[in-house]
């Protein structure tokens, strides 16, 4: 098996910061419009939680075509909650992302989007993100900083192995978390019964 190659994120992916906030000033809670991903919509499983998603009217969204999302893109928070990121699934095709985020779109078929998402969320890369962040009231990253992040690219087979192993771990974690929640509920119910006796 060949060794992993070290490349810069900007050499294998297009990094595009979100549109200016002034272009999103009509973002609201109306049921119609184009959904816009914000940092608060990204959960700790690298997914977009759409329960509180806000939308931009269609006529406003029409001029923001270069900021649309498609399957395999990664939305990475670049202002505020640095390090949060989400892998975009097919049902989010055509959505937008706000100015506090950047879109990472791989242009190298030798890198799987799922692997790139895992790599960007790894402790080593997260530490590098915080080390390189621009200081200020709110820490931030620009496209140049993000493009300079080092990425280790192993063979496609190795990438697939990593993706599968992490998916198995995530599934086990979810099962154990649900079991713990059920046991906690049983414990609370038992104590409530015991202390309400008499």
C-alpha atoms as a PDB file:
ATOM      1  CA  UNK A   1       0.000   0.000   0.000  1.00  0.00           C
ATOM      2  CA  UNK A   2       1.403   3.402  -0.924  1.00  0.00           C
ATOM      3  CA  UNK A   3       1.958   6.001   1.766  1.00  0.00           C
ATOM      4  CA  UNK A   4      -0.505   8.829   2.327  1.00  0.00           C
ATOM      5  CA  UNK A   5       0.316  12.004   0.476  1.00  0.00           C
ATOM      6  CA  UNK A   6       0.349  15.343   2.284  1.00  0.00           C
ATOM      7  CA  UNK A   7      -1.349  18.107   0.278  1.00  0.00           C
ATOM      8  CA  UNK A   8      -2.906  21.470   1.029  1.00  0.00           C
ATOM      9  CA  UNK A   9      -6.673  21.734   1.162  1.00  0.00           C
ATOM     10  CA  UNK A  10      -6.597  24.487  -1.480  1.00  0.00           C
ATOM     11  CA  UNK A  11      -4.829  22.154  -3.912  1.00  0.00           C
ATOM     12  CA  UNK A  12      -7.556  19.532  -3.825  1.00  0.00           C
ATOM     13  CA  UNK A  13     -10.685  21.550  -3.090  1.00  0.00           C
ATOM     14  CA  UNK A  14     -12.337  24.863  -3.891  1.00  0.00           C
ATOM     15  CA  UNK A  15     -12.848  26.935  -0.723  1.00  0.00           C
ATOM     16  CA  UNK A  16     -15.612  29.554  -1.061  1.00  0.00           C
ATOM     17  CA  UNK A  17     -16.593  31.810   1.872  1.00  0.00           C
ATOM     18  CA  UNK A  18     -20.306  32.536   2.180  1.00  0.00           C
ATOM     19  CA  UNK A  19     -22.003  35.600   0.713  1.00  0.00           C
ATOM     20  CA  UNK A  20     -21.899  38.980   2.424  1.00  0.00           C
ATOM     21  CA  UNK A  21     -24.382  39.325   5.247  1.00  0.00           C
ATOM     22  CA  UNK A  22     -26.053  42.223   3.426  1.00  0.00           C
ATOM     23  CA  UNK A  23     -27.129  39.789   0.708  1.00  0.00           C
ATOM     24  CA  UNK A  24     -28.954  37.707   3.306  1.00  0.00           C
ATOM     25  CA  UNK A  25     -30.791  40.506   5.094  1.00  0.00           C
ATOM     26  CA  UNK A  26     -34.195  39.065   4.164  1.00  0.00           C
ATOM     27  CA  UNK A  27     -33.448  35.727   5.835  1.00  0.00           C
ATOM     28  CA  UNK A  28     -36.514  34.698   7.801  1.00  0.00           C
ATOM     29  CA  UNK A  29     -38.727  31.957   9.182  1.00  0.00           C
ATOM     30  CA  UNK A  30     -41.231  31.873   6.340  1.00  0.00           C
ATOM     31  CA  UNK A  31     -42.081  28.354   5.079  1.00  0.00           C
ATOM     32  CA  UNK A  32     -41.235  29.266   1.472  1.00  0.00           C
ATOM     33  CA  UNK A  33     -37.837  30.167   0.094  1.00  0.00           C
ATOM     34  CA  UNK A  34     -34.364  28.669  -0.200  1.00  0.00           C
ATOM     35  CA  UNK A  35     -32.964  27.232   3.067  1.00  0.00           C
ATOM     36  CA  UNK A  36     -29.720  28.809   4.318  1.00  0.00           C
ATOM     37  CA  UNK A  37     -27.325  26.813   6.524  1.00  0.00           C
ATOM     38  CA  UNK A  38     -25.912  28.731   9.505  1.00  0.00           C
ATOM     39  CA  UNK A  39     -23.459  27.574  12.209  1.00  0.00           C
ATOM     40  CA  UNK A  40     -26.312  26.877  14.650  1.00  0.00           C
ATOM     41  CA  UNK A  41     -27.822  24.389  12.155  1.00  0.00           C
ATOM     42  CA  UNK A  42     -24.731  22.147  12.221  1.00  0.00           C
ATOM     43  CA  UNK A  43     -24.766  19.372  14.819  1.00  0.00           C
ATOM     44  CA  UNK A  44     -21.954  17.354  16.385  1.00  0.00           C
ATOM     45  CA  UNK A  45     -22.520  14.459  13.952  1.00  0.00           C
ATOM     46  CA  UNK A  46     -21.415  16.663  11.022  1.00  0.00           C
ATOM     47  CA  UNK A  47     -24.958  16.963   9.725  1.00  0.00           C
ATOM     48  CA  UNK A  48     -27.339  19.842   9.092  1.00  0.00           C
ATOM     49  CA  UNK A  49     -30.245  19.894  11.539  1.00  0.00           C
ATOM     50  CA  UNK A  50     -33.036  21.516   9.527  1.00  0.00           C
ATOM     51  CA  UNK A  51     -35.571  21.862  12.349  1.00  0.00           C
ATOM     52  CA  UNK A  52     -34.928  25.602  12.773  1.00  0.00           C
ATOM     53  CA  UNK A  53     -33.583  26.366   9.320  1.00  0.00           C
ATOM     54  CA  UNK A  54     -34.332  29.860   7.992  1.00  0.00           C
ATOM     55  CA  UNK A  55     -35.039  30.702   4.371  1.00  0.00           C
ATOM     56  CA  UNK A  56     -34.283  33.401   1.860  1.00  0.00           C
ATOM     57  CA  UNK A  57     -37.032  34.510  -0.553  1.00  0.00           C
ATOM     58  CA  UNK A  58     -36.622  32.937  -3.988  1.00  0.00           C
ATOM     59  CA  UNK A  59     -36.131  36.275  -5.724  1.00  0.00           C
ATOM     60  CA  UNK A  60     -33.242  37.107  -3.358  1.00  0.00           C
ATOM     61  CA  UNK A  61     -31.696  33.637  -3.579  1.00  0.00           C
ATOM     62  CA  UNK A  62     -31.663  33.733  -7.389  1.00  0.00           C
ATOM     63  CA  UNK A  63     -28.652  36.047  -7.434  1.00  0.00           C
ATOM     64  CA  UNK A  64     -26.624  33.809  -5.104  1.00  0.00           C
ATOM     65  CA  UNK A  65     -26.168  30.869  -7.455  1.00  0.00           C
ATOM     66  CA  UNK A  66     -22.416  30.642  -6.868  1.00  0.00           C
ATOM     67  CA  UNK A  67     -23.105  29.873  -3.200  1.00  0.00           C
ATOM     68  CA  UNK A  68     -25.426  26.908  -3.713  1.00  0.00           C
ATOM     69  CA  UNK A  69     -24.654  23.561  -2.129  1.00  0.00           C
ATOM     70  CA  UNK A  70     -24.607  20.116  -3.673  1.00  0.00           C
ATOM     71  CA  UNK A  71     -24.084  16.591  -2.419  1.00  0.00           C
ATOM     72  CA  UNK A  72     -20.526  15.991  -1.239  1.00  0.00           C
ATOM     73  CA  UNK A  73     -19.833  19.626  -0.325  1.00  0.00           C
ATOM     74  CA  UNK A  74     -18.625  20.406   3.178  1.00  0.00           C
ATOM     75  CA  UNK A  75     -19.882  23.474   5.030  1.00  0.00           C
ATOM     76  CA  UNK A  76     -17.274  24.638   7.508  1.00  0.00           C
ATOM     77  CA  UNK A  77     -17.808  27.371  10.111  1.00  0.00           C
ATOM     78  CA  UNK A  78     -15.212  30.093   9.589  1.00  0.00           C
ATOM     79  CA  UNK A  79     -16.411  32.714  12.105  1.00  0.00           C
ATOM     80  CA  UNK A  80     -17.399  32.107  15.703  1.00  0.00           C
ATOM     81  CA  UNK A  81     -17.869  28.382  16.380  1.00  0.00           C
ATOM     82  CA  UNK A  82     -14.711  27.390  14.525  1.00  0.00           C
ATOM     83  CA  UNK A  83     -14.282  23.724  13.741  1.00  0.00           C
ATOM     84  CA  UNK A  84     -17.957  22.868  13.234  1.00  0.00           C
ATOM     85  CA  UNK A  85     -18.642  21.320   9.861  1.00  0.00           C
ATOM     86  CA  UNK A  86     -21.237  19.325   7.976  1.00  0.00           C
ATOM     87  CA  UNK A  87     -21.187  17.009   4.992  1.00  0.00           C
ATOM     88  CA  UNK A  88     -23.967  17.943   2.577  1.00  0.00           C
ATOM     89  CA  UNK A  89     -26.313  15.121   1.584  1.00  0.00           C
ATOM     90  CA  UNK A  90     -28.373  14.928  -1.601  1.00  0.00           C
ATOM     91  CA  UNK A  91     -31.573  16.307  -0.034  1.00  0.00           C
ATOM     92  CA  UNK A  92     -29.753  19.596   0.652  1.00  0.00           C
ATOM     93  CA  UNK A  93     -28.884  20.183  -3.022  1.00  0.00           C
ATOM     94  CA  UNK A  94     -29.577  23.803  -3.952  1.00  0.00           C
ATOM     95  CA  UNK A  95     -29.474  25.139  -0.399  1.00  0.00           C
ATOM     96  CA  UNK A  96     -27.284  28.128   0.512  1.00  0.00           C
ATOM     97  CA  UNK A  97     -24.922  28.868   3.412  1.00  0.00           C
ATOM     98  CA  UNK A  98     -24.351  32.104   5.267  1.00  0.00           C
ATOM     99  CA  UNK A  99     -21.393  34.460   5.636  1.00  0.00           C
ATOM    100  CA  UNK A 100     -20.088  32.747   8.798  1.00  0.00           C
ATOM    101  CA  UNK A 101     -19.436  29.573   6.795  1.00  0.00           C
ATOM    102  CA  UNK A 102     -17.301  28.463   3.882  1.00  0.00           C
ATOM    103  CA  UNK A 103     -18.009  25.768   1.300  1.00  0.00           C
ATOM    104  CA  UNK A 104     -15.319  23.171   0.674  1.00  0.00           C
ATOM    105  CA  UNK A 105     -15.899  21.404  -2.644  1.00  0.00           C
ATOM    106  CA  UNK A 106     -13.431  18.691  -3.614  1.00  0.00           C
ATOM    107  CA  UNK A 107     -12.193  18.821  -7.192  1.00  0.00           C
ATOM    108  CA  UNK A 108      -9.927  15.783  -6.841  1.00  0.00           C
ATOM    109  CA  UNK A 109     -11.522  12.362  -7.459  1.00  0.00           C
ATOM    110  CA  UNK A 110      -8.749  10.805  -5.353  1.00  0.00           C
ATOM    111  CA  UNK A 111     -10.372  12.254  -2.212  1.00  0.00           C
ATOM    112  CA  UNK A 112     -13.766  11.048  -0.997  1.00  0.00           C
ATOM    113  CA  UNK A 113     -15.959  13.791   0.522  1.00  0.00           C
ATOM    114  CA  UNK A 114     -16.765  11.588   3.529  1.00  0.00           C
ATOM    115  CA  UNK A 115     -13.062  11.081   4.207  1.00  0.00           C
ATOM    116  CA  UNK A 116     -12.306  14.775   3.798  1.00  0.00           C
ATOM    117  CA  UNK A 117     -15.056  15.636   6.290  1.00  0.00           C
ATOM    118  CA  UNK A 118     -13.637  13.183   8.828  1.00  0.00           C
ATOM    119  CA  UNK A 119     -10.117  14.480   8.276  1.00  0.00           C
ATOM    120  CA  UNK A 120     -11.157  18.114   8.729  1.00  0.00           C
ATOM    121  CA  UNK A 121     -12.885  17.149  11.992  1.00  0.00           C
ATOM    122  CA  UNK A 122      -9.853  15.244  13.328  1.00  0.00           C
ATOM    123  CA  UNK A 123      -8.116  16.595  16.475  1.00  0.00           C
ATOM    124  CA  UNK A 124      -4.920  17.431  14.570  1.00  0.00           C
ATOM    125  CA  UNK A 125      -6.683  19.543  11.941  1.00  0.00           C
ATOM    126  CA  UNK A 126      -8.972  21.142  14.520  1.00  0.00           C
ATOM    127  CA  UNK A 127      -5.920  22.225  16.540  1.00  0.00           C
ATOM    128  CA  UNK A 128      -4.398  23.668  13.375  1.00  0.00           C
ATOM    129  CA  UNK A 129      -7.614  25.559  12.642  1.00  0.00           C
ATOM    130  CA  UNK A 130      -7.555  27.249  16.041  1.00  0.00           C
ATOM    131  CA  UNK A 131      -3.827  27.925  15.819  1.00  0.00           C
ATOM    132  CA  UNK A 132      -4.218  29.698  12.473  1.00  0.00           C
ATOM    133  CA  UNK A 133      -7.431  31.592  13.269  1.00  0.00           C
ATOM    134  CA  UNK A 134      -7.319  35.367  12.981  1.00  0.00           C
ATOM    135  CA  UNK A 135      -7.640  37.026  16.403  1.00  0.00           C
ATOM    136  CA  UNK A 136     -10.415  39.447  17.246  1.00  0.00           C
ATOM    137  CA  UNK A 137     -13.649  39.738  19.161  1.00  0.00           C
ATOM    138  CA  UNK A 138     -14.776  36.770  17.066  1.00  0.00           C
ATOM    139  CA  UNK A 139     -12.089  34.399  15.802  1.00  0.00           C
ATOM    140  CA  UNK A 140     -12.238  33.862  12.072  1.00  0.00           C
ATOM    141  CA  UNK A 141     -10.719  32.078   9.111  1.00  0.00           C
ATOM    142  CA  UNK A 142     -10.445  33.249   5.519  1.00  0.00           C
ATOM    143  CA  UNK A 143     -10.174  31.225   2.315  1.00  0.00           C
ATOM    144  CA  UNK A 144      -6.383  31.544   2.241  1.00  0.00           C
ATOM    145  CA  UNK A 145      -5.992  30.151   5.755  1.00  0.00           C
ATOM    146  CA  UNK A 146      -8.397  27.305   5.071  1.00  0.00           C
ATOM    147  CA  UNK A 147      -6.726  26.534   1.757  1.00  0.00           C
ATOM    148  CA  UNK A 148      -3.391  26.206   3.570  1.00  0.00           C
ATOM    149  CA  UNK A 149      -4.574  23.453   5.922  1.00  0.00           C
ATOM    150  CA  UNK A 150      -2.508  20.264   5.478  1.00  0.00           C
ATOM    151  CA  UNK A 151      -4.502  17.193   4.434  1.00  0.00           C
ATOM    152  CA  UNK A 152      -3.237  13.606   4.462  1.00  0.00           C
ATOM    153  CA  UNK A 153      -4.589  11.714   1.458  1.00  0.00           C
ATOM    154  CA  UNK A 154      -4.199   7.920   1.579  1.00  0.00           C
ATOM    155  CA  UNK A 155      -5.341   5.501  -1.098  1.00  0.00           C
ATOM    156  CA  UNK A 156      -9.053   5.305  -1.893  1.00  0.00           C
ATOM    157  CA  UNK A 157      -9.209   1.832  -0.317  1.00  0.00           C
ATOM    158  CA  UNK A 158      -7.733   3.203   2.907  1.00  0.00           C
ATOM    159  CA  UNK A 159     -10.185   6.123   2.836  1.00  0.00           C
ATOM    160  CA  UNK A 160     -13.084   3.695   2.482  1.00  0.00           C
ATOM    161  CA  UNK A 161     -11.754   1.631   5.419  1.00  0.00           C
ATOM    162  CA  UNK A 162     -11.575   4.740   7.613  1.00  0.00           C
ATOM    163  CA  UNK A 163     -15.095   5.826   6.630  1.00  0.00           C
ATOM    164  CA  UNK A 164     -16.522   2.359   7.382  1.00  0.00           C
ATOM    165  CA  UNK A 165     -14.710   2.059  10.725  1.00  0.00           C
ATOM    166  CA  UNK A 166     -15.917   5.458  11.916  1.00  0.00           C
ATOM    167  CA  UNK A 167     -19.486   4.685  10.772  1.00  0.00           C
ATOM    168  CA  UNK A 168     -19.406   1.467  12.854  1.00  0.00           C
ATOM    169  CA  UNK A 169     -18.139   3.363  15.900  1.00  0.00           C
ATOM    170  CA  UNK A 170     -20.785   6.066  15.456  1.00  0.00           C
ATOM    171  CA  UNK A 171     -23.520   3.429  15.256  1.00  0.00           C
ATOM    172  CA  UNK A 172     -22.304   1.722  18.447  1.00  0.00           C
ATOM    173  CA  UNK A 173     -22.059   5.087  20.190  1.00  0.00           C
ATOM    174  CA  UNK A 174     -25.667   5.879  19.255  1.00  0.00           C
ATOM    175  CA  UNK A 175     -26.883   2.488  20.525  1.00  0.00           C
ATOM    176  CA  UNK A 176     -25.054   2.928  23.849  1.00  0.00           C
ATOM    177  CA  UNK A 177     -26.311   6.496  24.217  1.00  0.00           C
ATOM    178  CA  UNK A 178     -29.909   5.374  23.656  1.00  0.00           C
ATOM    179  CA  UNK A 179     -29.433   2.500  26.123  1.00  0.00           C
ATOM    180  CA  UNK A 180     -28.026   4.892  28.730  1.00  0.00           C
ATOM    181  CA  UNK A 181     -30.984   7.239  28.244  1.00  0.00           C
ATOM    182  CA  UNK A 182     -33.458   4.371  28.697  1.00  0.00           C
ATOM    183  CA  UNK A 183     -31.670   3.156  31.834  1.00  0.00           C
ATOM    184  CA  UNK A 184     -31.631   6.685  33.224  1.00  0.00           C
ATOM    185  CA  UNK A 185     -35.391   6.942  32.662  1.00  0.00           C
ATOM    186  CA  UNK A 186     -35.919   3.583  34.439  1.00  0.00           C
ATOM    187  CA  UNK A 187     -33.721   4.765  37.329  1.00  0.00           C
ATOM    188  CA  UNK A 188     -35.675   8.006  37.714  1.00  0.00           C
ATOM    189  CA  UNK A 189     -38.997   6.144  37.550  1.00  0.00           C
ATOM    190  CA  UNK A 190     -37.837   3.655  40.193  1.00  0.00           C
ATOM    191  CA  UNK A 191     -36.684   6.403  42.549  1.00  0.00           C
ATOM    192  CA  UNK A 192     -39.923   8.298  42.015  1.00  0.00           C
ATOM    193  CA  UNK A 193     -41.917   5.183  42.934  1.00  0.00           C
ATOM    194  CA  UNK A 194     -39.791   4.447  46.004  1.00  0.00           C
ATOM    195  CA  UNK A 195     -39.879   7.939  47.432  1.00  0.00           C
ATOM    196  CA  UNK A 196     -43.582   8.445  46.751  1.00  0.00           C
ATOM    197  CA  UNK A 197     -44.514   5.379  48.826  1.00  0.00           C
ATOM    198  CA  UNK A 198     -46.134   5.865  52.158  1.00  0.00           C
END
